[in-house]
PDB file of N, CA and C in Angstrom:
ATOM      1  N   MET A   1       0.806  -1.202   0.000  1.00  0.00           N
ATOM      2  CA  MET A   1       0.000   0.000   0.000  1.00  0.00           C
ATOM      3  C   MET A   1       0.848   1.265   0.000  1.00  0.00           C
ATOM      4  N   SER A   2       1.755   1.401   0.928  1.00  0.00           N
ATOM      5  CA  SER A   2       2.488   2.653   1.076  1.00  0.00           C
ATOM      6  C   SER A   2       3.477   2.895  -0.062  1.00  0.00           C
ATOM      7  N   LYS A   3       3.827   1.874  -0.826  1.00  0.00           N
ATOM      8  CA  LYS A   3       4.767   2.051  -1.931  1.00  0.00           C
ATOM      9  C   LYS A   3       4.198   3.001  -2.975  1.00  0.00           C
ATOM     10  N   LYS A   4       2.889   3.006  -3.145  1.00  0.00           N
ATOM     11  CA  LYS A   4       2.274   3.881  -4.128  1.00  0.00           C
ATOM     12  C   LYS A   4       2.419   5.343  -3.731  1.00  0.00           C
ATOM     13  N   ILE A   5       2.439   5.630  -2.460  1.00  0.00           N
ATOM     14  CA  ILE A   5       2.557   6.999  -1.986  1.00  0.00           C
ATOM     15  C   ILE A   5       3.969   7.518  -2.191  1.00  0.00           C
ATOM     16  N   GLU A   6       4.943   6.659  -2.052  1.00  0.00           N
ATOM     17  CA  GLU A   6       6.333   7.084  -2.130  1.00  0.00           C
ATOM     18  C   GLU A   6       6.723   7.580  -3.506  1.00  0.00           C
ATOM     19  N   LYS A   7       6.013   7.184  -4.527  1.00  0.00           N
ATOM     20  CA  LYS A   7       6.306   7.665  -5.870  1.00  0.00           C
ATOM     21  C   LYS A   7       5.825   9.106  -5.979  1.00  0.00           C
ATOM     22  N   SER A   8       6.761  10.031  -5.942  1.00  0.00           N
ATOM     23  CA  SER A   8       6.387  11.436  -5.951  1.00  0.00           C
ATOM     24  C   SER A   8       6.008  11.934  -7.342  1.00  0.00           C
ATOM     25  N   ASN A   9       6.331  11.164  -8.377  1.00  0.00           N
ATOM     26  CA  ASN A   9       6.048  11.605  -9.731  1.00  0.00           C
ATOM     27  C   ASN A   9       4.730  11.059 -10.278  1.00  0.00           C
ATOM     28  N   THR A  10       3.881  10.529  -9.423  1.00  0.00           N
ATOM     29  CA  THR A  10       2.587  10.042  -9.900  1.00  0.00           C
ATOM     30  C   THR A  10       1.711  11.228 -10.271  1.00  0.00           C
ATOM     31  N   LYS A  11       0.809  10.989 -11.173  1.00  0.00           N
ATOM     32  CA  LYS A  11      -0.102  12.034 -11.623  1.00  0.00           C
ATOM     33  C   LYS A  11      -1.167  12.284 -10.568  1.00  0.00           C
ATOM     34  N   PHE A  12      -1.657  13.507 -10.562  1.00  0.00           N
ATOM     35  CA  PHE A  12      -2.710  13.898  -9.623  1.00  0.00           C
ATOM     36  C   PHE A  12      -3.910  12.964  -9.755  1.00  0.00           C
ATOM     37  N   GLU A  13      -4.298  12.697 -10.975  1.00  0.00           N
ATOM     38  CA  GLU A  13      -5.471  11.857 -11.221  1.00  0.00           C
ATOM     39  C   GLU A  13      -5.275  10.443 -10.686  1.00  0.00           C
ATOM     40  N   ASP A  14      -4.053   9.925 -10.824  1.00  0.00           N
ATOM     41  CA  ASP A  14      -3.756   8.579 -10.313  1.00  0.00           C
ATOM     42  C   ASP A  14      -3.839   8.545  -8.795  1.00  0.00           C
ATOM     43  N   ASP A  15      -3.310   9.590  -8.161  1.00  0.00           N
ATOM     44  CA  ASP A  15      -3.370   9.659  -6.697  1.00  0.00           C
ATOM     45  C   ASP A  15      -4.811   9.800  -6.218  1.00  0.00           C
ATOM     46  N   LEU A  16      -5.595  10.589  -6.939  1.00  0.00           N
ATOM     47  CA  LEU A  16      -6.994  10.767  -6.576  1.00  0.00           C
ATOM     48  C   LEU A  16      -7.770   9.456  -6.739  1.00  0.00           C
ATOM     49  N   LYS A  17      -7.469   8.740  -7.804  1.00  0.00           N
ATOM     50  CA  LYS A  17      -8.125   7.437  -8.026  1.00  0.00           C
ATOM     51  C   LYS A  17      -7.772   6.475  -6.896  1.00  0.00           C
ATOM     52  N   ARG A  18      -6.515   6.467  -6.489  1.00  0.00           N
ATOM     53  CA  ARG A  18      -6.093   5.598  -5.386  1.00  0.00           C
ATOM     54  C   ARG A  18      -6.813   5.980  -4.096  1.00  0.00           C
ATOM     55  N   LEU A  19      -6.971   7.278  -3.862  1.00  0.00           N
ATOM     56  CA  LEU A  19      -7.686   7.728  -2.664  1.00  0.00           C
ATOM     57  C   LEU A  19      -9.143   7.261  -2.690  1.00  0.00           C
ATOM     58  N   GLU A  20      -9.745   7.308  -3.857  1.00  0.00           N
ATOM     59  CA  GLU A  20     -11.123   6.815  -3.997  1.00  0.00           C
ATOM     60  C   GLU A  20     -11.197   5.317  -3.703  1.00  0.00           C
ATOM     61  N   GLU A  21     -10.193   4.564  -4.148  1.00  0.00           N
ATOM     62  CA  GLU A  21     -10.145   3.123  -3.864  1.00  0.00           C
ATOM     63  C   GLU A  21     -10.036   2.882  -2.355  1.00  0.00           C
ATOM     64  N   ILE A  22      -9.224   3.682  -1.701  1.00  0.00           N
ATOM     65  CA  ILE A  22      -9.043   3.540  -0.251  1.00  0.00           C
ATOM     66  C   ILE A  22     -10.357   3.805   0.465  1.00  0.00           C
ATOM     67  N   VAL A  23     -11.070   4.833   0.037  1.00  0.00           N
ATOM     68  CA  VAL A  23     -12.354   5.151   0.655  1.00  0.00           C
ATOM     69  C   VAL A  23     -13.321   3.981   0.505  1.00  0.00           C
ATOM     70  N   LYS A  24     -13.360   3.390  -0.688  1.00  0.00           N
ATOM     71  CA  LYS A  24     -14.236   2.232  -0.907  1.00  0.00           C
ATOM     72  C   LYS A  24     -13.857   1.078   0.017  1.00  0.00           C
ATOM     73  N   GLU A  25     -12.562   0.845   0.158  1.00  0.00           N
ATOM     74  CA  GLU A  25     -12.102  -0.229   1.049  1.00  0.00           C
ATOM     75  C   GLU A  25     -12.525   0.055   2.491  1.00  0.00           C
ATOM     76  N   LEU A  26     -12.347   1.292   2.918  1.00  0.00           N
ATOM     77  CA  LEU A  26     -12.712   1.649   4.295  1.00  0.00           C
ATOM     78  C   LEU A  26     -14.215   1.516   4.532  1.00  0.00           C
ATOM     79  N   GLU A  27     -14.997   1.815   3.513  1.00  0.00           N
ATOM     80  CA  GLU A  27     -16.458   1.723   3.635  1.00  0.00           C
ATOM     81  C   GLU A  27     -16.948   0.279   3.595  1.00  0.00           C
ATOM     82  N   SER A  28     -16.092  -0.623   3.148  1.00  0.00           N
ATOM     83  CA  SER A  28     -16.521  -2.017   3.000  1.00  0.00           C
ATOM     84  C   SER A  28     -16.537  -2.786   4.321  1.00  0.00           C
ATOM     85  N   GLY A  29     -15.979  -2.202   5.369  1.00  0.00           N
ATOM     86  CA  GLY A  29     -15.993  -2.860   6.663  1.00  0.00           C
ATOM     87  C   GLY A  29     -14.826  -3.814   6.849  1.00  0.00           C
ATOM     88  N   LEU A  30     -13.668  -3.280   7.019  1.00  0.00           N
ATOM     89  CA  LEU A  30     -12.446  -4.071   7.193  1.00  0.00           C
ATOM     90  C   LEU A  30     -12.158  -4.319   8.667  1.00  0.00           C
ATOM     91  N   PRO A  31     -11.312  -5.305   8.960  1.00  0.00           N
ATOM     92  CA  PRO A  31     -10.809  -5.438  10.333  1.00  0.00           C
ATOM     93  C   PRO A  31     -10.051  -4.159  10.698  1.00  0.00           C
ATOM     94  N   ILE A  32     -10.050  -3.812  11.960  1.00  0.00           N
ATOM     95  CA  ILE A  32      -9.506  -2.538  12.417  1.00  0.00           C
ATOM     96  C   ILE A  32      -8.041  -2.340  12.015  1.00  0.00           C
ATOM     97  N   GLU A  33      -7.250  -3.408  12.039  1.00  0.00           N
ATOM     98  CA  GLU A  33      -5.834  -3.286  11.675  1.00  0.00           C
ATOM     99  C   GLU A  33      -5.677  -2.881  10.207  1.00  0.00           C
ATOM    100  N   ASP A  34      -6.456  -3.520   9.339  1.00  0.00           N
ATOM    101  CA  ASP A  34      -6.415  -3.189   7.914  1.00  0.00           C
ATOM    102  C   ASP A  34      -6.963  -1.788   7.667  1.00  0.00           C
ATOM    103  N   ALA A  35      -8.040  -1.455   8.352  1.00  0.00           N
ATOM    104  CA  ALA A  35      -8.635  -0.129   8.203  1.00  0.00           C
ATOM    105  C   ALA A  35      -7.637   0.961   8.590  1.00  0.00           C
ATOM    106  N   LEU A  36      -6.874   0.719   9.639  1.00  0.00           N
ATOM    107  CA  LEU A  36      -5.886   1.700  10.077  1.00  0.00           C
ATOM    108  C   LEU A  36      -4.803   1.898   9.019  1.00  0.00           C
ATOM    109  N   LYS A  37      -4.372   0.813   8.389  1.00  0.00           N
ATOM    110  CA  LYS A  37      -3.361   0.924   7.326  1.00  0.00           C
ATOM    111  C   LYS A  37      -3.901   1.738   6.147  1.00  0.00           C
ATOM    112  N   TYR A  38      -5.130   1.455   5.735  1.00  0.00           N
ATOM    113  CA  TYR A  38      -5.733   2.216   4.648  1.00  0.00           C
ATOM    114  C   TYR A  38      -5.921   3.679   5.038  1.00  0.00           C
ATOM    115  N   TYR A  39      -6.343   3.899   6.282  1.00  0.00           N
ATOM    116  CA  TYR A  39      -6.543   5.260   6.765  1.00  0.00           C
ATOM    117  C   TYR A  39      -5.234   6.050   6.717  1.00  0.00           C
ATOM    118  N   GLU A  40      -4.156   5.443   7.178  1.00  0.00           N
ATOM    119  CA  GLU A  40      -2.848   6.108   7.153  1.00  0.00           C
ATOM    120  C   GLU A  40      -2.427   6.440   5.717  1.00  0.00           C
ATOM    121  N   GLU A  41      -2.623   5.493   4.818  1.00  0.00           N
ATOM    122  CA  GLU A  41      -2.286   5.734   3.416  1.00  0.00           C
ATOM    123  C   GLU A  41      -3.150   6.857   2.848  1.00  0.00           C
ATOM    124  N   GLY A  42      -4.422   6.852   3.203  1.00  0.00           N
ATOM    125  CA  GLY A  42      -5.333   7.897   2.729  1.00  0.00           C
ATOM    126  C   GLY A  42      -4.935   9.276   3.214  1.00  0.00           C
ATOM    127  N   ILE A  43      -4.528   9.373   4.473  1.00  0.00           N
ATOM    128  CA  ILE A  43      -4.094  10.662   5.018  1.00  0.00           C
ATOM    129  C   ILE A  43      -2.849  11.158   4.284  1.00  0.00           C
ATOM    130  N   LYS A  44      -1.904  10.257   4.040  1.00  0.00           N
ATOM    131  CA  LYS A  44      -0.691  10.646   3.310  1.00  0.00           C
ATOM    132  C   LYS A  44      -1.037  11.100   1.891  1.00  0.00           C
ATOM    133  N   LEU A  45      -1.953  10.394   1.251  1.00  0.00           N
ATOM    134  CA  LEU A  45      -2.372  10.785  -0.089  1.00  0.00           C
ATOM    135  C   LEU A  45      -3.077  12.142  -0.076  1.00  0.00           C
ATOM    136  N   CYS A  46      -3.911  12.378   0.914  1.00  0.00           N
ATOM    137  CA  CYS A  46      -4.588  13.679   1.034  1.00  0.00           C
ATOM    138  C   CYS A  46      -3.570  14.805   1.142  1.00  0.00           C
ATOM    139  N   ASP A  47      -2.565  14.604   1.980  1.00  0.00           N
ATOM    140  CA  ASP A  47      -1.519  15.617   2.129  1.00  0.00           C
ATOM    141  C   ASP A  47      -0.805  15.859   0.808  1.00  0.00           C
ATOM    142  N   LYS A  48      -0.495  14.770   0.114  1.00  0.00           N
ATOM    143  CA  LYS A  48       0.200  14.866  -1.169  1.00  0.00           C
ATOM    144  C   LYS A  48      -0.672  15.593  -2.201  1.00  0.00           C
ATOM    145  N   LEU A  49      -1.960  15.262  -2.235  1.00  0.00           N
ATOM    146  CA  LEU A  49      -2.871  15.904  -3.179  1.00  0.00           C
ATOM    147  C   LEU A  49      -3.047  17.385  -2.866  1.00  0.00           C
ATOM    148  N   GLU A  50      -3.136  17.718  -1.588  1.00  0.00           N
ATOM    149  CA  GLU A  50      -3.254  19.121  -1.194  1.00  0.00           C
ATOM    150  C   GLU A  50      -2.025  19.910  -1.632  1.00  0.00           C
ATOM    151  N   LYS A  51      -0.857  19.317  -1.481  1.00  0.00           N
ATOM    152  CA  LYS A  51       0.381  19.991  -1.903  1.00  0.00           C
ATOM    153  C   LYS A  51       0.389  20.184  -3.413  1.00  0.00           C
ATOM    154  N   LYS A  52      -0.014  19.138  -4.143  1.00  0.00           N
ATOM    155  CA  LYS A  52      -0.065  19.260  -5.600  1.00  0.00           C
ATOM    156  C   LYS A  52      -1.039  20.361  -6.020  1.00  0.00           C
ATOM    157  N   LEU A  53      -2.208  20.416  -5.372  1.00  0.00           N
ATOM    158  CA  LEU A  53      -3.177  21.458  -5.699  1.00  0.00           C
ATOM    159  C   LEU A  53      -2.621  22.843  -5.398  1.00  0.00           C
ATOM    160  N   SER A  54      -1.945  22.958  -4.282  1.00  0.00           N
ATOM    161  CA  SER A  54      -1.341  24.236  -3.916  1.00  0.00           C
ATOM    162  C   SER A  54      -0.298  24.655  -4.947  1.00  0.00           C
ATOM    163  N   ASP A  55       0.513  23.707  -5.395  1.00  0.00           N
ATOM    164  CA  ASP A  55       1.517  23.993  -6.421  1.00  0.00           C
ATOM    165  C   ASP A  55       0.858  24.429  -7.728  1.00  0.00           C
ATOM    166  N   ILE A  56      -0.223  23.773  -8.087  1.00  0.00           N
ATOM    167  CA  ILE A  56      -0.950  24.118  -9.306  1.00  0.00           C
ATOM    168  C   ILE A  56      -1.538  25.525  -9.192  1.00  0.00           C
ATOM    169  N   GLU A  57      -2.144  25.824  -8.033  1.00  0.00           N
ATOM    170  CA  GLU A  57      -2.705  27.154  -7.820  1.00  0.00           C
ATOM    171  C   GLU A  57      -1.617  28.228  -7.930  1.00  0.00           C
ATOM    172  N   THR A  58      -0.453  27.947  -7.381  1.00  0.00           N
ATOM    173  CA  THR A  58       0.659  28.895  -7.450  1.00  0.00           C
ATOM    174  C   THR A  58       1.078  29.126  -8.896  1.00  0.00           C
ATOM    175  N   LYS A  59       1.172  28.046  -9.667  1.00  0.00           N
ATOM    176  CA  LYS A  59       1.557  28.184 -11.073  1.00  0.00           C
ATOM    177  C   LYS A  59       0.514  28.980 -11.859  1.00  0.00           C
ATOM    178  N   VAL A  60      -0.760  28.712 -11.611  1.00  0.00           N
ATOM    179  CA  VAL A  60      -1.826  29.450 -12.299  1.00  0.00           C
ATOM    180  C   VAL A  60      -1.735  30.928 -11.941  1.00  0.00           C
ATOM    181  N   TYR A  61      -1.519  31.225 -10.683  1.00  0.00           N
ATOM    182  CA  TYR A  61      -1.385  32.610 -10.227  1.00  0.00           C
ATOM    183  C   TYR A  61      -0.204  33.291 -10.917  1.00  0.00           C
ATOM    184  N   GLU A  62       0.914  32.589 -10.998  1.00  0.00           N
ATOM    185  CA  GLU A  62       2.110  33.162 -11.631  1.00  0.00           C
ATOM    186  C   GLU A  62       1.877  33.420 -13.117  1.00  0.00           C
ATOM    187  N   VAL A  63       1.261  32.470 -13.794  1.00  0.00           N
ATOM    188  CA  VAL A  63       0.989  32.631 -15.224  1.00  0.00           C
ATOM    189  C   VAL A  63       0.033  33.805 -15.442  1.00  0.00           C
ATOM    190  N   LYS A  64      -0.990  33.883 -14.617  1.00  0.00           N
ATOM    191  CA  LYS A  64      -1.962  34.970 -14.732  1.00  0.00           C
ATOM    192  C   LYS A  64      -1.271  36.319 -14.524  1.00  0.00           C
ATOM    193  N   ASN A  65      -0.426  36.410 -13.517  1.00  0.00           N
ATOM    194  CA  ASN A  65       0.270  37.666 -13.243  1.00  0.00           C
ATOM    195  C   ASN A  65       1.273  38.000 -14.339  1.00  0.00           C
ATOM    196  N   LEU A  66       1.934  36.987 -14.896  1.00  0.00           N
ATOM    197  CA  LEU A  66       2.856  37.235 -16.002  1.00  0.00           C
ATOM    198  C   LEU A  66       2.114  37.788 -17.215  1.00  0.00           C
ATOM    199  N   LYS A  67       0.938  37.265 -17.462  1.00  0.00           N
ATOM    200  CA  LYS A  67       0.132  37.733 -18.587  1.00  0.00           C
ATOM    201  C   LYS A  67      -0.260  39.196 -18.366  1.00  0.00           C
ATOM    202  N   GLN A  68      -0.676  39.525 -17.134  1.00  0.00           N
ATOM    203  CA  GLN A  68      -1.043  40.909 -16.830  1.00  0.00           C
ATOM    204  C   GLN A  68       0.175  41.822 -16.916  1.00  0.00           C
ATOM    205  N   LEU A  69       1.314  41.349 -16.448  1.00  0.00           N
ATOM    206  CA  LEU A  69       2.545  42.125 -16.519  1.00  0.00           C
ATOM    207  C   LEU A  69       2.945  42.366 -17.976  1.00  0.00           C
ATOM    208  N   ALA A  70       2.803  41.345 -18.797  1.00  0.00           N
ATOM    209  CA  ALA A  70       3.136  41.484 -20.219  1.00  0.00           C
ATOM    210  C   ALA A  70       2.242  42.527 -20.880  1.00  0.00           C
ATOM    211  N   LYS A  71       0.962  42.536 -20.530  1.00  0.00           N
ATOM    212  CA  LYS A  71       0.050  43.544 -21.083  1.00  0.00           C
ATOM    213  C   LYS A  71       0.480  44.934 -20.653  1.00  0.00           C
ATOM    214  N   ARG A  72       0.859  45.065 -19.378  1.00  0.00           N
ATOM    215  CA  ARG A  72       1.283  46.351 -18.854  1.00  0.00           C
ATOM    216  C   ARG A  72       2.557  46.820 -19.556  1.00  0.00           C
ATOM    217  N   VAL A  73       3.505  45.921 -19.754  1.00  0.00           N
ATOM    218  CA  VAL A  73       4.752  46.265 -20.434  1.00  0.00           C
ATOM    219  C   VAL A  73       4.469  46.657 -21.880  1.00  0.00           C
ATOM    220  N   ASP A  74       3.581  45.910 -22.540  1.00  0.00           N
ATOM    221  CA  ASP A  74       3.219  46.246 -23.922  1.00  0.00           C
ATOM    222  C   ASP A  74       2.612  47.636 -23.997  1.00  0.00           C
ATOM    223  N   SER A  75       1.731  47.983 -23.098  1.00  0.00           N
ATOM    224  CA  SER A  75       1.108  49.299 -23.128  1.00  0.00           C
ATOM    225  C   SER A  75       2.132  50.381 -22.785  1.00  0.00           C
ATOM    226  N   ASP A  76       3.071  50.098 -21.889  1.00  0.00           N
ATOM    227  CA  ASP A  76       4.132  51.061 -21.592  1.00  0.00           C
ATOM    228  C   ASP A  76       5.027  51.279 -22.798  1.00  0.00           C
ATOM    229  N   VAL A  77       5.333  50.239 -23.527  1.00  0.00           N
ATOM    230  CA  VAL A  77       6.156  50.351 -24.727  1.00  0.00           C
ATOM    231  C   VAL A  77       5.413  51.169 -25.775  1.00  0.00           C
ATOM    232  N   ASP A  78       4.132  50.910 -25.964  1.00  0.00           N
ATOM    233  CA  ASP A  78       3.344  51.675 -26.927  1.00  0.00           C
ATOM    234  C   ASP A  78       3.338  53.158 -26.581  1.00  0.00           C
ATOM    235  N   LEU A  79       3.208  53.477 -25.322  1.00  0.00           N
ATOM    236  CA  LEU A  79       3.197  54.865 -24.894  1.00  0.00           C
ATOM    237  C   LEU A  79       4.535  55.543 -25.168  1.00  0.00           C
ATOM    238  N   GLU A  80       5.626  54.842 -25.017  1.00  0.00           N
ATOM    239  CA  GLU A  80       6.952  55.392 -25.258  1.00  0.00           C
ATOM    240  C   GLU A  80       7.138  55.730 -26.741  1.00  0.00           C
ATOM    241  N   LEU A  81       6.532  54.983 -27.606  1.00  0.00           N
ATOM    242  CA  LEU A  81       6.702  55.225 -29.041  1.00  0.00           C
ATOM    243  C   LEU A  81       6.057  56.532 -29.482  1.00  0.00           C
ATOM    244  N   PHE A  82       5.033  56.961 -28.773  1.00  0.00           N
ATOM    245  CA  PHE A  82       4.310  58.154 -29.188  1.00  0.00           C
ATOM    246  C   PHE A  82       4.765  59.425 -28.497  1.00  0.00           C
ATOM    247  N   LYS A  83       5.844  59.399 -27.743  1.00  0.00           N
ATOM    248  CA  LYS A  83       6.351  60.603 -27.064  1.00  0.00           C
ATOM    249  C   LYS A  83       7.203  61.415 -27.983  1.00  0.00           C
TER     250      LYS A  83
END
Protein backbone atom coordinates (compact mmCIF):
# COMPACT_ATOMS: atom_id res chain seq x y z
CA MET A 1 0.00 0.00 0.00
CA SER A 2 2.49 2.65 1.08
CA LYS A 3 4.77 2.05 -1.93
CA LYS A 4 2.27 3.88 -4.13
CA ILE A 5 2.56 7.00 -1.99
CA GLU A 6 6.33 7.08 -2.13
CA LYS A 7 6.31 7.66 -5.87
CA SER A 8 6.39 11.44 -5.95
CA ASN A 9 6.05 11.61 -9.73
CA THR A 10 2.59 10.04 -9.90
CA LYS A 11 -0.10 12.03 -11.62
CA PHE A 12 -2.71 13.90 -9.62
CA GLU A 13 -5.47 11.86 -11.22
CA ASP A 14 -3.76 8.58 -10.31
CA ASP A 15 -3.37 9.66 -6.70
CA LEU A 16 -6.99 10.77 -6.58
CA LYS A 17 -8.12 7.44 -8.03
CA ARG A 18 -6.09 5.60 -5.39
CA LEU A 19 -7.69 7.73 -2.66
CA GLU A 20 -11.12 6.82 -4.00
CA GLU A 21 -10.15 3.12 -3.86
CA ILE A 22 -9.04 3.54 -0.25
CA VAL A 23 -12.35 5.15 0.66
CA LYS A 24 -14.24 2.23 -0.91
CA GLU A 25 -12.10 -0.23 1.05
CA LEU A 26 -12.71 1.65 4.30
CA GLU A 27 -16.46 1.72 3.64
CA SER A 28 -16.52 -2.02 3.00
CA GLY A 29 -15.99 -2.86 6.66
CA LEU A 30 -12.45 -4.07 7.19
CA PRO A 31 -10.81 -5.44 10.33
CA ILE A 32 -9.51 -2.54 12.42
CA GLU A 33 -5.83 -3.29 11.67
CA ASP A 34 -6.42 -3.19 7.91
CA ALA A 35 -8.63 -0.13 8.20
CA LEU A 36 -5.89 1.70 10.08
CA LYS A 37 -3.36 0.92 7.33
CA TYR A 38 -5.73 2.22 4.65
CA TYR A 39 -6.54 5.26 6.76
CA GLU A 40 -2.85 6.11 7.15
CA GLU A 41 -2.29 5.73 3.42
CA GLY A 42 -5.33 7.90 2.73
CA ILE A 43 -4.09 10.66 5.02
CA LYS A 44 -0.69 10.65 3.31
CA LEU A 45 -2.37 10.79 -0.09
CA CYS A 46 -4.59 13.68 1.03
CA ASP A 47 -1.52 15.62 2.13
CA LYS A 48 0.20 14.87 -1.17
CA LEU A 49 -2.87 15.90 -3.18
CA GLU A 50 -3.25 19.12 -1.19
CA LYS A 51 0.38 19.99 -1.90
CA LYS A 52 -0.06 19.26 -5.60
CA LEU A 53 -3.18 21.46 -5.70
CA SER A 54 -1.34 24.24 -3.92
CA ASP A 55 1.52 23.99 -6.42
CA ILE A 56 -0.95 24.12 -9.31
CA GLU A 57 -2.71 27.15 -7.82
CA THR A 58 0.66 28.89 -7.45
CA LYS A 59 1.56 28.18 -11.07
CA VAL A 60 -1.83 29.45 -12.30
CA TYR A 61 -1.38 32.61 -10.23
CA GLU A 62 2.11 33.16 -11.63
CA VAL A 63 0.99 32.63 -15.22
CA LYS A 64 -1.96 34.97 -14.73
CA ASN A 65 0.27 37.67 -13.24
CA LEU A 66 2.86 37.23 -16.00
CA LYS A 67 0.13 37.73 -18.59
CA GLN A 68 -1.04 40.91 -16.83
CA LEU A 69 2.54 42.13 -16.52
CA ALA A 70 3.14 41.48 -20.22
CA LYS A 71 0.05 43.54 -21.08
CA ARG A 72 1.28 46.35 -18.85
CA VAL A 73 4.75 46.27 -20.43
CA ASP A 74 3.22 46.25 -23.92
CA SER A 75 1.11 49.30 -23.13
CA ASP A 76 4.13 51.06 -21.59
CA VAL A 77 6.16 50.35 -24.73
CA ASP A 78 3.34 51.68 -26.93
CA LEU A 79 3.20 54.86 -24.89
CA GLU A 80 6.95 55.39 -25.26
CA LEU A 81 6.70 55.22 -29.04
CA PHE A 82 4.31 58.15 -29.19
CA LYS A 83 6.35 60.60 -27.06
